[in-house]
Amino acid sequence: MIFGILGAIQNLGMPYHVIRQDRPLYGAFLATGFGTGCGLALLLFLGADLFSFFSPELPYALRILAVILPINALANVPVQYLNRELRIERLVVVEAIGNLTFLAGAGALAYWGANLYCLVWAHAISLAAKALVLWIIVRKEIPLSLARGDIGLLVRGSSRLFFLGLLGILFHQADTGVAGTFLSIRDVGYWNMAMAIVLLPVNFLEAGFSQVLFPLFSRFKEDPAKIIRAYRASTFFIMGIEVPLYAFLFVHFPRLTVWILGPQWAVAGDLAQLLCFYCILDPFSVFGHIMVLAKGKDWPLISWQACSVLGMVLFGLWLAPSFQLLGMTIARYAVFFGSPFVIAALVREIGSRNVFPPALALLYLSFPLIVWLGSISDSPGLKLALTSAAALLVMAVMVWRLAPTAREFLQPVWQKYSQAPRPEP
């Protein structure tokens, strides 16, 4: 968490803002990010001993992590440039190089006796390798001019995003903090494991879409027709996969958890089953918040995040002492107190008819259907076959229906920017 806060301070909300700018200030982004990264690294290196009361080994780890801050700043600029230009295929190669470097570095350092710190050093080495490869890729094309006033313009424009980033860190840590206050260590472990496994499909499916949609929405922000089609198609597509998937997991989570992780994690499987609805309850904010962010409407998002954190913490403090893990599960659903802010912003931008399409309600009818199919037989094999077939059928129909629309708004942009002529050296 310490390093996450330092990373947010270093970024100052700039990575998202530089993508949505009409004239991206990459030079100011590089100068500000690298300057704050070096300053924070120096402070962390000198003040690491202040954290020794947590663990005697922590200062050494923090000093290693301090090296990562300026390296991360160097890597961030070409990453956001490639994201903005929708040249995502280049980032895939870079990530592969980074992962291979991490594995090789961690293995070599462990062999030489670096113990646990081999992972920290390997992370720093892999990030440096990625930064080097990224700058080799973009060195001849990224504009790095720095005019007077650019840094101030960039920092002022991204200030609200910096605050939003801090709220995001608090959001991801608040439930563990509340659980740690009232629950035993074992129950906190069950809770963290349940959240990890229930969010795994969401994080996997939505991360790639978000990386493409944010620059796409930023380019379409002055074209309502295109941004509406992009929002509707992406929302229908991802929910067309997630709704039947989580219906299938709702039926099988307890059994799958015991089968994969072992019987000692059975409680986490039961919690994950109760949390399945959490991942699909608000389809409007899944990519809606990205569209609102791309259009520069930051205050609804700040209100959304603040109310989500406040609702989860207050309900956790109220229910966790009496109901333990069940209370934490209910408290997690209190994050949706913030959803009306995003939905209201979406309605203002694209109209209620486009935010609440009736066909989306029909998609949600597949959830009780799949759950019902899982309840008509006590045979695990038949139950698995019926629910798998139903979930895959719904997914196939949604992909078939939406694939032409997805190609329509993605392919022209992808071709335009991935095949653009490169400037001469």
Protein backbone atom coordinates (compact mmCIF):
# COMPACT_ATOMS: atom_id res chain seq x y z
CA MET A 1 0.00 0.00 0.00
CA ILE A 2 2.91 2.36 0.79
CA PHE A 3 4.36 1.83 -2.65
CA GLY A 4 0.93 2.21 -4.27
CA ILE A 5 0.45 5.62 -2.67
CA LEU A 6 3.94 6.70 -3.74
CA GLY A 7 3.16 5.55 -7.29
CA ALA A 8 -0.06 7.60 -7.30
CA ILE A 9 1.85 10.67 -6.07
CA GLN A 10 4.45 10.16 -8.78
CA ASN A 11 1.84 9.80 -11.55
CA LEU A 12 -0.34 12.70 -10.30
CA GLY A 13 -3.18 11.36 -12.47
CA MET A 14 -1.20 12.18 -15.63
CA PRO A 15 -1.30 8.81 -17.46
CA TYR A 16 -5.04 9.00 -18.09
CA HIS A 17 -5.10 12.73 -18.70
CA VAL A 18 -2.36 12.64 -21.35
CA ILE A 19 -4.41 10.11 -23.34
CA ARG A 20 -7.59 12.18 -23.31
CA GLN A 21 -5.84 15.47 -24.21
CA ASP A 22 -6.38 16.84 -27.70
CA ARG A 23 -2.68 17.73 -27.74
CA PRO A 24 -0.86 15.18 -25.57
CA LEU A 25 2.01 16.75 -23.61
CA TYR A 26 4.44 13.84 -23.57
CA GLY A 27 7.42 16.06 -22.85
CA ALA A 28 5.76 17.49 -19.75
CA PHE A 29 4.62 14.01 -18.76
CA LEU A 30 8.18 12.67 -18.94
CA ALA A 31 9.74 15.62 -17.11
CA THR A 32 7.16 15.67 -14.31
CA GLY A 33 6.96 11.91 -13.83
CA PHE A 34 10.72 11.38 -13.84
CA GLY A 35 11.31 14.39 -11.56
CA THR A 36 8.74 13.33 -8.97
CA GLY A 37 9.91 9.72 -9.26
CA CYS A 38 13.50 10.66 -8.47
CA GLY A 39 12.43 12.92 -5.59
CA LEU A 40 10.19 10.27 -4.04
CA ALA A 41 12.86 7.60 -4.54
CA LEU A 42 15.36 9.75 -2.65
CA LEU A 43 12.90 10.37 0.20
CA LEU A 44 12.02 6.68 0.39
CA PHE A 45 15.67 5.66 0.33
CA LEU A 46 16.55 8.05 3.16
CA GLY A 47 13.42 7.43 5.24
CA ALA A 48 13.05 3.68 4.81
CA ASP A 49 14.22 3.04 8.38
CA LEU A 50 11.06 4.74 9.69
CA PHE A 51 9.10 1.65 8.58
CA SER A 52 11.29 -0.84 10.41
CA PHE A 53 8.68 -1.24 13.18
CA PHE A 54 6.55 -3.21 10.67
CA SER A 55 9.40 -5.60 9.93
CA PRO A 56 13.19 -5.39 10.28
CA GLU A 57 13.58 -6.41 6.62
CA LEU A 58 11.11 -3.84 5.26
CA PRO A 59 13.57 -0.91 4.92
CA TYR A 60 15.83 -2.94 2.65
CA ALA A 61 12.87 -3.94 0.44
CA LEU A 62 11.66 -0.34 0.28
CA ARG A 63 15.09 0.87 -0.81
CA ILE A 64 15.01 -1.62 -3.66
CA LEU A 65 11.50 -0.52 -4.59
CA ALA A 66 12.64 3.11 -4.53
CA VAL A 67 14.73 2.37 -7.61
CA ILE A 68 11.55 1.34 -9.44
CA LEU A 69 9.87 4.76 -9.19
CA PRO A 70 12.04 6.65 -11.73
CA ILE A 71 12.25 3.57 -13.97
CA ASN A 72 8.45 3.33 -13.92
CA ALA A 73 8.24 6.99 -14.95
CA LEU A 74 10.48 6.29 -17.94
CA ALA A 75 8.38 3.30 -18.98
CA ASN A 76 5.04 5.06 -18.46
CA VAL A 77 5.49 7.64 -21.23
CA PRO A 78 5.89 5.26 -24.20
CA VAL A 79 3.22 2.96 -22.75
CA GLN A 80 0.65 5.77 -22.75
CA TYR A 81 1.79 6.90 -26.19
CA LEU A 82 1.20 3.43 -27.63
CA ASN A 83 -2.13 3.17 -25.79
CA ARG A 84 -3.29 6.50 -27.15
CA GLU A 85 -2.29 5.56 -30.69
CA LEU A 86 -4.01 2.16 -30.30
CA ARG A 87 -0.84 0.26 -31.08
CA ILE A 88 -1.60 -2.35 -28.46
CA GLU A 89 0.11 -5.15 -30.39
CA ARG A 90 3.50 -3.60 -29.61
CA LEU A 91 2.76 -3.63 -25.88
CA VAL A 92 2.09 -7.37 -26.03
CA VAL A 93 5.65 -7.96 -27.23
CA VAL A 94 7.04 -5.69 -24.54
CA GLU A 95 5.07 -7.45 -21.79
CA ALA A 96 6.37 -10.80 -23.01
CA ILE A 97 9.94 -9.51 -22.85
CA GLY A 98 9.34 -8.14 -19.36
CA ASN A 99 7.88 -11.41 -18.10
CA LEU A 100 10.74 -13.47 -19.52
CA THR A 101 13.26 -11.06 -17.98
CA PHE A 102 11.50 -11.33 -14.62
CA LEU A 103 11.54 -15.13 -14.69
CA ALA A 104 15.18 -15.30 -15.75
CA GLY A 105 16.26 -12.67 -13.24
CA ALA A 106 14.33 -14.18 -10.34
CA GLY A 107 15.69 -17.64 -11.10
CA ALA A 108 19.28 -16.45 -11.38
CA LEU A 109 19.12 -14.33 -8.21
CA ALA A 110 17.49 -17.15 -6.26
CA TYR A 111 20.25 -19.50 -7.41
CA TRP A 112 22.83 -16.98 -6.15
CA GLY A 113 21.15 -16.81 -2.73
CA ALA A 114 19.05 -13.62 -2.95
CA ASN A 115 16.16 -15.36 -1.13
CA LEU A 116 12.86 -13.46 -1.09
CA TYR A 117 14.47 -10.28 -2.40
CA CYS A 118 15.14 -11.97 -5.70
CA LEU A 119 11.50 -11.19 -6.63
CA VAL A 120 11.89 -7.48 -5.81
CA TRP A 121 15.17 -7.17 -7.72
CA ALA A 122 13.76 -9.18 -10.62
CA HIS A 123 10.79 -6.79 -10.82
CA ALA A 124 13.14 -3.80 -11.02
CA ILE A 125 15.28 -5.50 -13.70
CA SER A 126 12.27 -6.51 -15.80
CA LEU A 127 10.80 -3.01 -15.61
CA ALA A 128 14.13 -1.54 -16.74
CA ALA A 129 14.22 -3.98 -19.65
CA LYS A 130 10.67 -3.03 -20.65
CA ALA A 131 11.50 0.68 -20.47
CA LEU A 132 14.55 0.17 -22.69
CA VAL A 133 12.59 -1.80 -25.31
CA LEU A 134 9.72 0.71 -25.24
CA TRP A 135 12.00 3.66 -25.92
CA ILE A 136 13.71 1.77 -28.75
CA ILE A 137 10.27 1.22 -30.30
CA VAL A 138 8.97 4.81 -30.02
CA ARG A 139 12.17 6.87 -30.07
CA LYS A 140 11.66 8.18 -33.63
CA GLU A 141 7.97 8.97 -33.42
CA ILE A 142 6.94 10.19 -29.96
CA PRO A 143 6.79 14.02 -29.73
CA LEU A 144 8.69 15.19 -26.63
CA SER A 145 8.65 18.95 -27.08
CA LEU A 146 8.34 20.90 -23.84
CA ALA A 147 7.03 24.46 -24.04
CA ARG A 148 6.77 26.96 -21.24
CA GLY A 149 3.68 26.30 -19.14
CA ASP A 150 3.18 22.72 -20.37
CA ILE A 151 4.00 21.15 -17.00
CA GLY A 152 1.56 23.41 -15.15
CA LEU A 153 -1.14 22.76 -17.75
CA LEU A 154 -0.72 19.00 -17.46
CA VAL A 155 -0.60 18.93 -13.65
CA ARG A 156 -3.66 21.18 -13.29
CA GLY A 157 -5.64 19.12 -15.78
CA SER A 158 -4.81 15.83 -14.06
CA SER A 159 -5.23 17.00 -10.44
CA ARG A 160 -8.72 15.54 -10.08
CA LEU A 161 -7.51 12.25 -11.51
CA PHE A 162 -4.78 12.20 -8.86
CA PHE A 163 -7.44 12.45 -6.14
CA LEU A 164 -9.48 9.77 -7.93
CA GLY A 165 -6.44 7.50 -7.93
CA LEU A 166 -5.97 7.90 -4.17
CA LEU A 167 -9.64 7.01 -3.66
CA GLY A 168 -9.09 3.94 -5.84
CA ILE A 169 -6.24 2.76 -3.59
CA LEU A 170 -8.43 3.29 -0.55
CA PHE A 171 -11.27 1.38 -2.23
CA HIS A 172 -9.10 -1.68 -2.82
CA GLN A 173 -7.71 -1.70 0.73
CA ALA A 174 -10.73 -0.61 2.82
CA ASP A 175 -12.52 -3.95 3.02
CA THR A 176 -9.36 -5.75 4.15
CA GLY A 177 -8.84 -3.06 6.80
CA VAL A 178 -12.37 -3.46 8.15
CA ALA A 179 -12.15 -7.26 8.02
CA GLY A 180 -8.81 -7.19 9.86
CA THR A 181 -10.36 -5.14 12.64
CA PHE A 182 -13.21 -7.53 13.49
CA LEU A 183 -12.34 -10.91 11.97
CA SER A 184 -9.78 -13.53 12.88
CA ILE A 185 -6.66 -13.91 10.74
CA ARG A 186 -8.10 -17.08 9.23
CA ASP A 187 -11.35 -15.35 8.29
CA VAL A 188 -9.43 -12.44 6.76
CA GLY A 189 -7.61 -15.01 4.64
CA TYR A 190 -10.92 -16.55 3.57
CA TRP A 191 -12.25 -13.10 2.68
CA ASN A 192 -9.21 -12.08 0.63
CA MET A 193 -9.19 -15.41 -1.19
CA ALA A 194 -12.92 -15.17 -1.98
CA MET A 195 -12.48 -11.66 -3.41
CA ALA A 196 -9.44 -12.74 -5.40
CA ILE A 197 -11.14 -15.68 -7.09
CA VAL A 198 -14.48 -13.96 -7.70
CA LEU A 199 -12.77 -10.94 -9.32
CA LEU A 200 -10.36 -13.02 -11.39
CA PRO A 201 -12.67 -13.35 -14.45
CA VAL A 202 -13.65 -9.67 -14.28
CA ASN A 203 -10.05 -8.46 -14.08
CA PHE A 204 -9.01 -10.76 -16.91
CA LEU A 205 -11.91 -9.88 -19.24
CA GLU A 206 -12.26 -6.16 -18.62
CA ALA A 207 -8.60 -5.15 -18.43
CA GLY A 208 -7.92 -5.60 -22.13
CA PHE A 209 -11.17 -3.93 -23.16
CA SER A 210 -10.49 -0.95 -20.91
CA GLN A 211 -7.02 -0.48 -22.35
CA VAL A 212 -8.49 -0.11 -25.84
CA LEU A 213 -11.75 1.64 -24.96
CA PHE A 214 -10.30 4.57 -23.04
CA PRO A 215 -8.25 5.93 -25.98
CA LEU A 216 -11.11 4.98 -28.29
CA PHE A 217 -13.65 6.94 -26.22
CA SER A 218 -11.17 9.84 -26.04
CA ARG A 219 -11.03 10.00 -29.83
CA PHE A 220 -14.82 9.70 -30.19
CA LYS A 221 -15.72 12.18 -27.45
CA GLU A 222 -16.87 14.80 -29.98
CA ASP A 223 -18.81 12.25 -32.04
CA PRO A 224 -21.91 11.16 -30.02
CA ALA A 225 -23.04 8.53 -32.54
CA LYS A 226 -19.73 6.68 -32.48
CA ILE A 227 -19.24 6.86 -28.73
CA ILE A 228 -22.79 5.53 -28.16
CA ARG A 229 -22.20 2.59 -30.51
CA ALA A 230 -18.84 1.85 -28.88
CA TYR A 231 -20.35 1.99 -25.37
CA ARG A 232 -23.36 -0.19 -26.23
CA ALA A 233 -21.36 -2.76 -28.17
CA SER A 234 -18.62 -3.10 -25.54
CA THR A 235 -21.12 -3.27 -22.65
CA PHE A 236 -23.29 -5.88 -24.38
CA PHE A 237 -20.23 -7.88 -25.41
CA ILE A 238 -18.61 -8.06 -21.98
CA MET A 239 -21.88 -8.65 -20.11
CA GLY A 240 -22.80 -11.29 -22.67
CA ILE A 241 -19.76 -13.19 -21.43
CA GLU A 242 -19.82 -12.29 -17.73
CA VAL A 243 -23.52 -12.88 -16.97
CA PRO A 244 -23.60 -16.53 -18.14
CA LEU A 245 -20.09 -17.09 -16.78
CA TYR A 246 -21.03 -15.94 -13.27
CA ALA A 247 -24.27 -17.91 -13.43
CA PHE A 248 -22.16 -20.99 -14.16
CA LEU A 249 -19.73 -20.09 -11.35
CA PHE A 250 -22.60 -19.46 -8.93
CA VAL A 251 -23.61 -23.10 -9.37
CA HIS A 252 -20.08 -24.53 -9.22
CA PHE A 253 -17.93 -22.16 -7.11
CA PRO A 254 -18.04 -24.26 -3.89
CA ARG A 255 -17.10 -27.47 -5.69
CA LEU A 256 -14.49 -25.82 -7.95
CA THR A 257 -12.80 -24.08 -5.03
CA VAL A 258 -12.41 -27.31 -3.07
CA TRP A 259 -11.25 -29.15 -6.18
CA ILE A 260 -8.62 -26.55 -7.17
CA LEU A 261 -7.47 -25.10 -3.84
CA GLY A 262 -8.29 -27.92 -1.45
CA PRO A 263 -10.93 -28.50 1.26
CA GLN A 264 -9.27 -25.98 3.60
CA TRP A 265 -10.61 -23.19 1.33
CA ALA A 266 -14.24 -24.38 1.28
CA VAL A 267 -15.38 -21.29 3.19
CA ALA A 268 -13.82 -19.04 0.53
CA GLY A 269 -15.77 -20.94 -2.14
CA ASP A 270 -19.05 -20.35 -0.30
CA LEU A 271 -18.26 -16.64 0.01
CA ALA A 272 -17.34 -16.43 -3.66
CA GLN A 273 -20.73 -17.92 -4.53
CA LEU A 274 -22.48 -15.14 -2.59
CA LEU A 275 -20.28 -12.52 -4.28
CA CYS A 276 -21.08 -13.61 -7.84
CA PHE A 277 -23.85 -11.01 -8.12
CA TYR A 278 -21.39 -8.28 -7.13
CA CYS A 279 -19.59 -8.62 -10.46
CA ILE A 280 -22.66 -8.20 -12.69
CA LEU A 281 -25.04 -6.05 -10.63
CA ASP A 282 -24.08 -2.74 -12.27
CA PRO A 283 -23.44 -3.22 -16.01
CA PHE A 284 -23.73 0.51 -16.70
CA SER A 285 -20.58 1.50 -14.81
CA VAL A 286 -18.40 -1.30 -16.23
CA PHE A 287 -17.32 0.80 -19.22
CA GLY A 288 -19.55 3.78 -18.49
CA HIS A 289 -17.03 5.19 -16.03
CA ILE A 290 -14.35 4.97 -18.74
CA MET A 291 -16.51 6.97 -21.13
CA VAL A 292 -17.23 9.59 -18.46
CA LEU A 293 -13.50 9.76 -17.70
CA ALA A 294 -12.61 10.14 -21.38
CA LYS A 295 -15.02 13.07 -21.71
CA GLY A 296 -13.33 14.85 -18.78
CA LYS A 297 -16.28 14.59 -16.35
CA ASP A 298 -14.17 13.80 -13.28
CA TRP A 299 -16.42 14.97 -10.43
CA PRO A 300 -19.12 12.30 -10.94
CA LEU A 301 -16.37 9.68 -10.79
CA ILE A 302 -14.91 11.17 -7.61
CA SER A 303 -18.39 11.14 -6.05
CA TRP A 304 -18.88 7.55 -7.26
CA GLN A 305 -15.64 6.35 -5.72
CA ALA A 306 -16.06 8.29 -2.47
CA CYS A 307 -19.62 7.02 -1.88
CA SER A 308 -18.54 3.48 -2.75
CA VAL A 309 -15.75 3.53 -0.17
CA LEU A 310 -17.94 5.23 2.43
CA GLY A 311 -20.83 2.79 1.96
CA MET A 312 -18.57 -0.26 2.16
CA VAL A 313 -16.74 0.99 5.27
CA LEU A 314 -19.86 2.08 7.16
CA PHE A 315 -21.74 -1.15 6.44
CA GLY A 316 -18.63 -3.14 7.31
CA LEU A 317 -18.25 -1.38 10.65
CA TRP A 318 -21.94 -1.99 11.32
CA LEU A 319 -22.30 -5.61 10.21
CA ALA A 320 -18.88 -7.26 10.54
CA PRO A 321 -18.79 -7.32 14.39
CA SER A 322 -22.07 -9.26 14.56
CA PHE A 323 -22.20 -11.24 11.32
CA GLN A 324 -18.48 -11.69 10.63
CA LEU A 325 -17.89 -12.93 7.03
CA LEU A 326 -21.55 -12.63 6.06
CA GLY A 327 -21.51 -9.02 7.26
CA MET A 328 -18.45 -8.28 5.12
CA THR A 329 -20.18 -9.85 2.13
CA ILE A 330 -23.22 -7.61 2.58
CA ALA A 331 -20.97 -4.59 3.11
CA ARG A 332 -19.22 -5.27 -0.19
CA TYR A 333 -22.52 -4.75 -2.00
CA ALA A 334 -22.79 -1.30 -0.39
CA VAL A 335 -20.26 -0.03 -2.96
CA PHE A 336 -23.20 0.35 -5.35
CA PHE A 337 -24.35 3.40 -3.39
CA GLY A 338 -21.93 5.28 -5.65
CA SER A 339 -23.28 3.90 -8.94
CA PRO A 340 -26.06 6.52 -9.40
CA PHE A 341 -23.38 9.20 -9.94
CA VAL A 342 -21.94 7.36 -12.94
CA ILE A 343 -25.38 6.43 -14.29
CA ALA A 344 -26.57 10.05 -14.01
CA ALA A 345 -23.47 11.25 -15.86
CA LEU A 346 -24.07 8.66 -18.58
CA VAL A 347 -27.69 9.72 -18.98
CA ARG A 348 -26.59 13.35 -19.39
CA GLU A 349 -24.00 12.39 -22.01
CA ILE A 350 -25.79 9.79 -24.16
CA GLY A 351 -29.43 9.69 -22.99
CA SER A 352 -31.34 7.19 -20.89
CA ARG A 353 -32.42 5.15 -23.90
CA ASN A 354 -28.80 4.29 -24.67
CA VAL A 355 -27.86 3.67 -21.04
CA PHE A 356 -30.81 1.32 -20.31
CA PRO A 357 -31.38 -0.75 -23.48
CA PRO A 358 -34.25 -3.25 -22.97
CA ALA A 359 -32.20 -6.04 -24.58
CA LEU A 360 -29.83 -5.93 -21.60
CA ALA A 361 -32.65 -7.07 -19.32
CA LEU A 362 -33.25 -10.06 -21.59
CA LEU A 363 -29.60 -11.03 -21.23
CA TYR A 364 -29.94 -11.13 -17.44
CA LEU A 365 -32.75 -13.68 -17.75
CA SER A 366 -30.07 -16.21 -18.68
CA PHE A 367 -28.73 -16.11 -15.11
CA PRO A 368 -31.76 -17.75 -13.39
CA LEU A 369 -32.11 -20.12 -16.36
CA ILE A 370 -28.55 -21.44 -15.94
CA VAL A 371 -28.95 -21.65 -12.16
CA TRP A 372 -32.20 -23.59 -12.63
CA LEU A 373 -30.46 -26.03 -14.99
CA GLY A 374 -27.86 -26.59 -12.29
CA SER A 375 -30.54 -27.48 -9.75
CA ILE A 376 -32.55 -30.08 -11.69
CA SER A 377 -30.05 -32.87 -11.13
CA ASP A 378 -27.93 -34.07 -8.22
CA SER A 379 -25.40 -35.63 -10.58
CA PRO A 380 -22.27 -33.44 -10.67
CA GLY A 381 -21.48 -34.55 -14.21
CA LEU A 382 -24.95 -33.77 -15.60
CA LYS A 383 -25.09 -30.50 -13.69
CA LEU A 384 -21.73 -29.46 -15.17
CA ALA A 385 -22.78 -30.47 -18.68
CA LEU A 386 -26.12 -28.62 -18.61
CA THR A 387 -24.79 -25.38 -17.12
CA SER A 388 -21.71 -25.38 -19.37
CA ALA A 389 -23.80 -25.88 -22.49
CA ALA A 390 -26.25 -23.13 -21.52
CA ALA A 391 -23.52 -20.63 -20.60
CA LEU A 392 -21.55 -21.29 -23.78
CA LEU A 393 -24.70 -20.97 -25.88
CA VAL A 394 -25.51 -17.53 -24.43
CA MET A 395 -21.91 -16.41 -24.92
CA ALA A 396 -21.85 -17.66 -28.51
CA VAL A 397 -25.09 -15.85 -29.37
CA MET A 398 -23.85 -12.56 -27.89
CA VAL A 399 -20.47 -12.79 -29.64
CA TRP A 400 -22.16 -13.66 -32.95
CA ARG A 401 -24.58 -10.76 -32.66
CA LEU A 402 -22.01 -8.18 -31.63
CA ALA A 403 -18.93 -9.20 -33.58
CA PRO A 404 -19.89 -7.15 -36.71
CA THR A 405 -20.47 -4.03 -34.61
CA ALA A 406 -17.20 -4.51 -32.73
CA ARG A 407 -15.32 -4.84 -36.01
CA GLU A 408 -17.10 -1.77 -37.37
CA PHE A 409 -15.87 0.63 -34.72
CA LEU A 410 -12.56 -1.03 -33.82
CA GLN A 411 -11.08 -2.12 -37.14
CA PRO A 412 -11.00 1.27 -38.94
CA VAL A 413 -9.36 2.95 -35.96
CA TRP A 414 -6.91 0.08 -35.47
CA GLN A 415 -5.90 0.13 -39.15
CA LYS A 416 -5.60 3.89 -39.25
CA TYR A 417 -3.20 4.14 -36.36
CA SER A 418 -1.35 0.82 -36.43
CA GLN A 419 -0.55 1.19 -40.14
CA ALA A 420 0.13 4.91 -40.14
CA PRO A 421 3.36 5.90 -41.92
CA ARG A 422 6.24 6.42 -39.54
CA PRO A 423 8.14 9.74 -39.59
CA GLU A 424 11.53 9.69 -41.23
CA PRO A 425 14.51 9.79 -38.85
